[in-house]
N, C-alpha and C. Protein backbone atom coordinates (compact mmCIF):
# COMPACT_ATOMS: atom_id res chain seq x y z
N MET A 1 -19.82 15.84 -6.69
CA MET A 1 -18.27 15.10 -6.50
C MET A 1 -18.19 14.43 -5.46
N SER A 2 -17.58 12.92 -5.67
CA SER A 2 -17.37 12.04 -4.79
C SER A 2 -15.90 12.17 -4.03
N ALA A 3 -16.11 12.11 -2.99
CA ALA A 3 -15.02 12.31 -1.53
C ALA A 3 -14.97 11.21 -0.71
N VAL A 4 -13.62 10.55 -0.89
CA VAL A 4 -13.45 9.22 0.27
C VAL A 4 -11.97 9.62 1.29
N HIS A 5 -12.46 8.77 2.37
CA HIS A 5 -11.25 8.83 3.23
C HIS A 5 -10.07 8.33 2.97
N ARG A 6 -8.79 9.04 2.90
CA ARG A 6 -7.37 8.79 2.90
C ARG A 6 -6.54 9.03 4.21
N VAL A 7 -5.50 8.34 4.26
CA VAL A 7 -4.65 8.29 5.50
C VAL A 7 -3.25 9.02 4.98
N CYS A 8 -3.42 10.04 5.75
CA CYS A 8 -1.91 10.77 5.78
C CYS A 8 -0.51 9.74 6.25
N PRO A 9 0.28 9.41 4.92
CA PRO A 9 1.81 8.76 5.28
C PRO A 9 2.31 9.16 6.35
N HIS A 10 2.16 10.50 6.48
CA HIS A 10 3.07 11.44 7.13
C HIS A 10 2.75 11.24 9.04
N CYS A 11 1.85 11.50 8.93
CA CYS A 11 0.80 12.13 10.64
C CYS A 11 -0.18 10.98 10.60
N GLY A 12 -0.81 10.34 9.58
CA GLY A 12 -1.29 9.31 10.04
C GLY A 12 -2.83 9.88 10.21
N GLN A 13 -3.38 11.35 10.17
CA GLN A 13 -4.42 11.89 10.18
C GLN A 13 -5.47 11.13 8.98
N VAL A 14 -6.70 10.96 9.28
CA VAL A 14 -7.76 10.65 8.12
C VAL A 14 -8.17 11.74 7.45
N ASN A 15 -7.98 12.15 6.48
CA ASN A 15 -8.48 12.99 5.71
C ASN A 15 -9.64 12.64 4.51
N ARG A 16 -10.65 13.41 4.39
CA ARG A 16 -11.52 13.45 3.41
C ARG A 16 -11.40 14.12 2.26
N VAL A 17 -11.26 12.99 1.04
CA VAL A 17 -10.63 13.77 -0.22
C VAL A 17 -11.32 13.74 -1.14
N PRO A 18 -11.85 14.75 -2.13
CA PRO A 18 -12.35 14.74 -3.52
C PRO A 18 -11.67 14.08 -4.55
N ASP A 19 -12.35 12.75 -5.08
CA ASP A 19 -11.67 11.94 -6.06
C ASP A 19 -10.73 12.78 -6.81
N ALA A 20 -11.28 13.85 -7.52
CA ALA A 20 -10.94 14.95 -8.59
C ALA A 20 -9.63 15.47 -7.79
N ASN A 21 -9.42 15.50 -6.57
CA ASN A 21 -8.26 16.48 -6.52
C ASN A 21 -7.46 15.28 -5.54
N ALA A 22 -7.33 14.23 -5.60
CA ALA A 22 -6.20 13.01 -4.74
C ALA A 22 -5.27 13.59 -5.26
N GLY A 23 -4.58 13.24 -6.28
CA GLY A 23 -3.49 13.41 -6.87
C GLY A 23 -2.48 14.56 -6.34
N SER A 24 -3.09 15.74 -6.02
CA SER A 24 -2.76 17.13 -5.52
C SER A 24 -3.23 17.01 -3.80
N ALA A 25 -3.74 16.18 -3.23
CA ALA A 25 -4.27 16.36 -2.01
C ALA A 25 -3.11 16.61 -1.11
N ARG A 26 -3.32 17.40 -0.30
CA ARG A 26 -2.47 17.73 1.04
C ARG A 26 -3.52 17.27 2.60
N CYS A 27 -2.32 16.82 3.18
CA CYS A 27 -3.03 16.19 4.39
C CYS A 27 -3.63 17.78 5.43
N GLY A 28 -4.83 17.96 5.71
CA GLY A 28 -5.40 19.39 6.77
C GLY A 28 -4.44 19.02 8.21
N ALA A 29 -3.99 18.12 8.72
CA ALA A 29 -3.33 18.27 9.71
C ALA A 29 -1.73 18.71 9.66
N CYS A 30 -0.62 17.96 9.09
CA CYS A 30 0.63 18.38 8.67
C CYS A 30 1.06 18.58 7.59
N HIS A 31 0.07 19.20 6.57
CA HIS A 31 -0.35 19.81 5.20
C HIS A 31 0.91 19.37 4.47
N GLU A 32 1.36 17.76 4.68
CA GLU A 32 2.38 17.47 3.54
C GLU A 32 1.40 16.93 2.61
N SER A 33 2.36 16.10 1.45
CA SER A 33 1.20 16.00 0.28
C SER A 33 0.93 14.41 0.65
N LEU A 34 -0.42 13.94 0.08
CA LEU A 34 -1.01 12.66 0.75
C LEU A 34 -0.48 11.48 -0.33
N PHE A 35 0.28 12.10 -1.33
CA PHE A 35 0.28 10.81 -2.42
C PHE A 35 2.03 11.37 -3.23
N SER A 36 2.60 10.84 -3.21
CA SER A 36 4.02 11.21 -3.77
C SER A 36 4.50 10.20 -4.63
N GLY A 37 3.49 8.98 -5.13
CA GLY A 37 4.10 8.33 -6.25
C GLY A 37 5.08 7.15 -5.68
N GLU A 38 5.21 6.90 -4.63
CA GLU A 38 6.20 5.91 -4.10
C GLU A 38 5.70 5.14 -2.84
N PRO A 39 6.05 4.02 -2.88
CA PRO A 39 5.49 3.25 -1.78
C PRO A 39 6.26 3.96 -0.16
N VAL A 40 4.69 3.75 0.67
CA VAL A 40 5.20 4.11 2.23
C VAL A 40 5.63 3.21 3.08
N ALA A 41 6.80 3.21 3.58
CA ALA A 41 7.28 2.13 4.65
C ALA A 41 6.21 2.37 5.94
N VAL A 42 6.03 1.11 6.28
CA VAL A 42 4.66 1.43 7.75
C VAL A 42 5.38 0.23 8.72
N ASP A 43 4.84 0.43 9.72
CA ASP A 43 4.72 -0.73 10.88
C ASP A 43 3.47 -1.51 10.70
N LEU A 44 3.26 -2.63 12.16
CA LEU A 44 1.79 -3.19 11.93
C LEU A 44 1.23 -1.93 11.81
N ALA A 45 1.03 -1.17 13.23
CA ALA A 45 0.50 -0.17 13.69
C ALA A 45 0.00 0.92 12.60
N ARG A 46 0.48 0.96 12.11
CA ARG A 46 0.52 1.96 10.84
C ARG A 46 -0.30 1.01 9.40
N LEU A 47 0.25 0.09 9.18
CA LEU A 47 -0.67 -0.81 8.42
C LEU A 47 -2.37 -0.84 8.72
N GLU A 48 -2.48 -1.38 9.97
CA GLU A 48 -3.66 -1.58 10.57
C GLU A 48 -4.56 -0.14 10.20
N ARG A 49 -3.76 1.23 10.55
CA ARG A 49 -4.41 1.96 10.27
C ARG A 49 -5.30 2.54 9.06
N PHE A 50 -4.07 2.00 8.25
CA PHE A 50 -4.46 2.31 6.67
C PHE A 50 -5.51 1.17 6.16
N VAL A 51 -5.44 -0.18 6.58
CA VAL A 51 -6.51 -1.06 6.11
C VAL A 51 -7.81 -0.53 6.76
N MET A 52 -7.78 -0.35 8.06
CA MET A 52 -9.26 -0.08 8.76
C MET A 52 -9.65 1.26 8.06
N ARG A 53 -9.00 2.72 7.98
CA ARG A 53 -9.70 3.79 7.67
C ARG A 53 -9.42 4.19 6.01
N ASP A 54 -8.68 4.12 5.41
CA ASP A 54 -8.18 4.39 4.14
C ASP A 54 -9.42 3.58 3.09
N GLU A 55 -10.18 4.45 2.31
CA GLU A 55 -11.27 3.86 1.59
C GLU A 55 -10.98 3.32 0.28
N ARG A 56 -9.93 3.45 0.04
CA ARG A 56 -9.45 3.05 -1.39
C ARG A 56 -8.58 1.70 -1.21
N PRO A 57 -8.66 1.35 -2.22
CA PRO A 57 -7.67 -0.08 -1.80
C PRO A 57 -6.01 -0.28 -1.52
N ILE A 58 -5.63 -0.84 -0.69
CA ILE A 58 -4.50 -0.74 -0.29
C ILE A 58 -3.24 -2.18 -0.32
N LEU A 59 -2.15 -1.78 -1.26
CA LEU A 59 -1.29 -3.01 -1.71
C LEU A 59 -0.24 -2.89 -0.99
N VAL A 60 0.14 -4.00 -0.31
CA VAL A 60 1.20 -3.92 0.70
C VAL A 60 2.09 -5.39 0.42
N ASP A 61 3.24 -4.83 0.21
CA ASP A 61 4.59 -5.61 -0.03
C ASP A 61 5.03 -5.98 1.15
N PHE A 62 4.94 -7.41 1.84
CA PHE A 62 5.42 -7.36 2.88
C PHE A 62 7.07 -8.46 2.29
N TRP A 63 7.85 -7.75 2.71
CA TRP A 63 9.50 -8.31 2.52
C TRP A 63 10.36 -7.96 3.48
N ALA A 64 11.79 -8.84 3.22
CA ALA A 64 12.65 -8.59 4.32
C ALA A 64 13.88 -8.02 3.47
N PRO A 65 15.06 -7.22 4.10
CA PRO A 65 15.83 -6.72 3.46
C PRO A 65 16.96 -7.97 2.80
N TRP A 66 17.25 -9.24 3.81
CA TRP A 66 17.97 -10.46 3.44
C TRP A 66 17.10 -11.31 2.22
N CYS A 67 16.03 -10.88 1.48
CA CYS A 67 15.66 -11.74 0.69
C CYS A 67 15.71 -10.78 -0.57
N ALA A 68 16.62 -11.80 -1.34
CA ALA A 68 17.16 -11.47 -2.98
C ALA A 68 16.13 -11.15 -3.98
N PRO A 69 14.71 -12.21 -4.23
CA PRO A 69 13.83 -11.72 -4.82
C PRO A 69 13.49 -10.20 -4.15
N CYS A 70 12.95 -10.35 -3.15
CA CYS A 70 12.42 -9.14 -2.16
C CYS A 70 13.40 -7.79 -2.71
N ARG A 71 14.48 -7.70 -2.91
CA ARG A 71 15.33 -6.66 -3.17
C ARG A 71 15.25 -6.38 -4.63
N MET A 72 14.68 -7.54 -5.44
CA MET A 72 14.69 -7.61 -6.91
C MET A 72 13.43 -6.92 -7.44
N MET A 73 12.50 -7.07 -6.44
CA MET A 73 10.97 -6.44 -6.97
C MET A 73 10.87 -5.41 -6.17
N ALA A 74 11.86 -4.58 -5.50
CA ALA A 74 11.58 -3.26 -4.68
C ALA A 74 11.31 -1.89 -6.13
N PRO A 75 12.35 -1.97 -6.82
CA PRO A 75 12.54 -1.07 -7.75
C PRO A 75 11.16 -1.51 -8.90
N GLN A 76 10.51 -2.67 -8.76
CA GLN A 76 9.53 -2.70 -9.74
C GLN A 76 8.16 -2.17 -8.76
N PHE A 77 7.94 -2.32 -7.44
CA PHE A 77 7.13 -1.98 -6.62
C PHE A 77 6.69 -0.27 -6.96
N VAL A 78 8.21 0.57 -6.71
CA VAL A 78 8.54 1.38 -6.78
C VAL A 78 7.63 1.81 -8.17
N ALA A 79 8.39 1.64 -9.09
CA ALA A 79 7.30 1.96 -10.47
C ALA A 79 5.97 1.83 -10.75
N ALA A 80 5.61 0.56 -10.04
CA ALA A 80 3.98 0.25 -9.51
C ALA A 80 3.34 1.55 -9.20
N ALA A 81 3.65 1.70 -8.46
CA ALA A 81 3.13 3.02 -7.44
C ALA A 81 2.98 4.30 -8.15
N ARG A 82 4.21 4.26 -9.38
CA ARG A 82 3.74 5.80 -10.10
C ARG A 82 2.71 5.63 -11.15
N ASP A 83 2.18 4.30 -11.37
CA ASP A 83 1.11 4.24 -12.26
C ASP A 83 0.01 3.72 -11.34
N LEU A 84 -0.22 3.44 -9.97
CA LEU A 84 -1.37 3.09 -9.79
C LEU A 84 -2.01 3.94 -8.58
N GLU A 85 -1.08 5.23 -8.02
CA GLU A 85 -1.60 5.88 -6.99
C GLU A 85 -2.18 7.06 -8.23
N PRO A 86 -3.23 7.88 -7.33
CA PRO A 86 -3.87 7.70 -6.01
C PRO A 86 -4.93 6.81 -6.05
N GLY A 87 -5.15 5.96 -7.07
CA GLY A 87 -6.34 5.09 -6.86
C GLY A 87 -6.08 4.33 -5.89
N LEU A 88 -4.92 3.44 -5.90
CA LEU A 88 -4.29 2.53 -4.70
C LEU A 88 -3.49 2.90 -4.18
N ARG A 89 -3.37 2.84 -2.73
CA ARG A 89 -2.02 3.55 -1.86
C ARG A 89 -1.11 1.88 -1.74
N LEU A 90 -0.08 2.21 -2.06
CA LEU A 90 1.24 1.17 -1.71
C LEU A 90 2.02 1.31 -0.82
N LEU A 91 1.98 0.33 -0.30
CA LEU A 91 2.64 0.12 1.76
C LEU A 91 3.83 -0.94 1.23
N LYS A 92 4.64 -1.01 2.05
CA LYS A 92 5.71 -1.79 2.36
C LYS A 92 6.03 -1.94 3.83
N LEU A 93 6.38 -3.22 4.07
CA LEU A 93 6.02 -3.74 5.31
C LEU A 93 7.10 -4.67 5.69
N ASP A 94 8.29 -4.57 6.37
CA ASP A 94 9.62 -5.30 6.79
C ASP A 94 9.04 -6.59 7.38
N THR A 95 9.11 -7.62 7.50
CA THR A 95 8.83 -8.71 8.28
C THR A 95 9.77 -9.02 9.47
N GLU A 96 11.02 -8.45 8.76
CA GLU A 96 12.03 -8.91 9.85
C GLU A 96 11.92 -8.10 10.96
N ALA A 97 12.12 -6.52 10.60
CA ALA A 97 11.82 -5.51 11.51
C ALA A 97 10.86 -5.86 12.27
N HIS A 98 9.36 -6.50 11.77
CA HIS A 98 8.07 -6.31 12.55
C HIS A 98 7.70 -7.56 12.25
N PRO A 99 8.04 -8.57 13.12
CA PRO A 99 7.61 -9.67 12.85
C PRO A 99 6.34 -10.39 13.12
N ASP A 100 5.59 -9.44 14.01
CA ASP A 100 4.25 -9.67 14.73
C ASP A 100 3.12 -9.27 13.51
N ALA A 101 4.00 -8.71 12.72
CA ALA A 101 2.98 -8.03 11.15
C ALA A 101 2.99 -9.47 10.14
N GLY A 102 4.10 -9.98 9.93
CA GLY A 102 3.93 -11.33 9.20
C GLY A 102 2.99 -12.15 10.05
N ALA A 103 3.30 -12.67 11.25
CA ALA A 103 2.18 -13.47 11.87
C ALA A 103 0.85 -13.12 11.81
N ARG A 104 0.32 -11.66 11.75
CA ARG A 104 -0.94 -11.21 12.07
C ARG A 104 -1.38 -11.85 10.57
N PHE A 105 -0.56 -11.74 9.67
CA PHE A 105 -1.26 -11.56 8.03
C PHE A 105 -0.99 -13.12 7.77
N ALA A 106 -0.55 -13.71 8.40
CA ALA A 106 -0.26 -14.78 7.85
C ALA A 106 0.80 -15.00 6.54
N ILE A 107 1.83 -14.60 6.74
CA ILE A 107 2.90 -14.20 5.77
C ILE A 107 3.43 -15.69 6.00
N ARG A 108 3.68 -16.51 4.88
CA ARG A 108 4.46 -18.18 5.09
C ARG A 108 5.88 -17.81 3.85
N GLY A 109 5.56 -16.69 2.87
CA GLY A 109 6.60 -16.20 2.05
C GLY A 109 7.03 -14.97 1.36
N ILE A 110 8.10 -14.71 1.08
CA ILE A 110 8.46 -13.60 1.02
C ILE A 110 8.66 -13.23 -0.79
N PRO A 111 9.05 -12.54 -1.31
CA PRO A 111 7.94 -11.08 -1.41
C PRO A 111 6.66 -11.70 -1.19
N THR A 112 5.54 -11.40 -0.70
CA THR A 112 4.41 -11.36 -0.67
C THR A 112 3.51 -10.05 -1.14
N LEU A 113 2.89 -9.93 -1.51
CA LEU A 113 1.88 -8.74 -1.89
C LEU A 113 0.30 -9.04 -1.67
N VAL A 114 -0.38 -8.52 -0.70
CA VAL A 114 -1.50 -8.25 -0.25
C VAL A 114 -2.47 -7.32 -0.70
N LEU A 115 -3.51 -7.63 -1.09
CA LEU A 115 -4.50 -6.26 -1.53
C LEU A 115 -5.52 -6.16 -0.24
N PHE A 116 -6.00 -5.23 0.07
CA PHE A 116 -7.08 -4.97 0.95
C PHE A 116 -8.16 -3.93 0.57
N ARG A 117 -9.29 -4.51 0.82
CA ARG A 117 -10.35 -2.94 0.51
C ARG A 117 -11.29 -3.29 1.65
N GLY A 118 -11.76 -2.05 2.18
CA GLY A 118 -12.67 -1.98 3.07
C GLY A 118 -12.51 -2.87 4.48
N GLY A 119 -10.91 -2.98 4.91
CA GLY A 119 -10.70 -3.75 6.09
C GLY A 119 -10.46 -5.12 5.98
N HIS A 120 -10.77 -5.68 4.56
CA HIS A 120 -10.57 -6.63 4.41
C HIS A 120 -9.42 -7.43 3.20
N GLU A 121 -8.69 -8.39 3.04
CA GLU A 121 -8.00 -9.04 2.25
C GLU A 121 -8.88 -9.49 1.14
N ILE A 122 -8.23 -8.94 0.13
CA ILE A 122 -9.29 -9.18 -1.18
C ILE A 122 -8.41 -10.22 -1.97
N ALA A 123 -6.82 -10.18 -1.92
CA ALA A 123 -6.19 -10.77 -3.19
C ALA A 123 -4.93 -10.75 -2.09
N ARG A 124 -4.04 -12.18 -2.70
CA ARG A 124 -2.87 -12.38 -2.34
C ARG A 124 -2.01 -12.79 -3.26
N GLN A 125 -0.58 -12.83 -3.78
CA GLN A 125 0.60 -13.06 -4.55
C GLN A 125 1.72 -13.30 -3.97
N SER A 126 2.41 -14.34 -3.72
CA SER A 126 3.61 -14.46 -3.53
C SER A 126 4.81 -14.39 -4.74
N GLY A 127 6.18 -14.21 -4.47
CA GLY A 127 6.90 -14.03 -5.39
C GLY A 127 6.93 -12.63 -6.02
N ALA A 128 8.36 -12.82 -6.39
CA ALA A 128 8.52 -11.71 -7.05
C ALA A 128 7.86 -11.25 -8.66
N LEU A 129 7.45 -9.98 -8.90
CA LEU A 129 6.53 -9.35 -9.98
C LEU A 129 7.47 -8.05 -10.52
N SER A 130 7.08 -8.11 -11.73
CA SER A 130 7.74 -7.27 -12.85
C SER A 130 6.47 -6.27 -12.19
N ALA A 131 6.80 -4.70 -12.71
CA ALA A 131 6.07 -3.49 -12.04
C ALA A 131 4.86 -3.86 -13.33
N ALA A 132 5.07 -4.12 -14.49
CA ALA A 132 3.87 -4.27 -15.34
C ALA A 132 2.71 -5.41 -14.76
N ASP A 133 3.30 -6.84 -14.44
CA ASP A 133 2.77 -7.79 -13.70
C ASP A 133 2.10 -7.43 -12.05
N ILE A 134 2.80 -5.88 -11.46
CA ILE A 134 2.02 -5.91 -10.52
C ILE A 134 0.79 -4.81 -10.82
N ILE A 135 1.15 -4.47 -11.55
CA ILE A 135 -0.24 -3.13 -11.79
C ILE A 135 -1.13 -3.95 -12.56
N ALA A 136 -1.12 -4.72 -13.66
CA ALA A 136 -2.09 -5.61 -13.71
C ALA A 136 -3.20 -6.48 -12.89
N TRP A 137 -1.95 -7.28 -11.89
CA TRP A 137 -2.55 -7.86 -11.04
C TRP A 137 -3.76 -6.86 -10.08
N ALA A 138 -3.07 -6.05 -9.56
CA ALA A 138 -3.82 -4.92 -8.49
C ALA A 138 -4.81 -4.45 -9.15
N ARG A 139 -4.48 -4.04 -10.57
CA ARG A 139 -6.16 -3.65 -11.13
C ARG A 139 -6.85 -4.41 -11.40
N ARG A 140 -6.53 -5.74 -11.81
CA ARG A 140 -7.56 -6.98 -11.98
C ARG A 140 -8.50 -7.46 -10.48
N HIS A 141 -7.86 -7.09 -9.56
CA HIS A 141 -8.14 -7.62 -8.18
C HIS A 141 -8.61 -6.54 -7.38
N SER A 142 -8.10 -5.27 -7.70
CA SER A 142 -9.24 -4.25 -7.10
C SER A 142 -10.49 -3.69 -7.65
N ALA A 143 -10.57 -3.84 -8.91
CA ALA A 143 -11.95 -3.26 -10.05
C ALA A 143 -13.16 -4.16 -9.28
N GLY A 144 -14.12 -3.12 -9.28
CA GLY A 144 -15.29 -3.56 -8.55
C GLY A 144 -15.80 -3.34 -7.12
């Protein structure tokens, strides 16, 4: 049985999780569920921990509260999380609250989706998308 490292969205602990049990896995440190079927709000430090330590693809929505397309896409991103987890981890980062993250990841427009695997960016998409488009885009770029 294959197992991978997954970062807890509650405490940041890295857990080794069998793929077969990923959907029901709990953190060994805080005992919270590792997956809720909803995106996790993060700051720059937490984002970097997920990107560097989680062994499954990470999909990040870089957004801001004043951005109308971001607000329009927010429920679509939540719907996509229900379909994509636990194979992918979905995170949200508010670039207004955390401007260093926008600079660090060269975010030029929002909303921007960035897909990471193995500590590296593998795909990027700017502009609001529907849940179906988010799912299709993420699966296409995370395969393999």
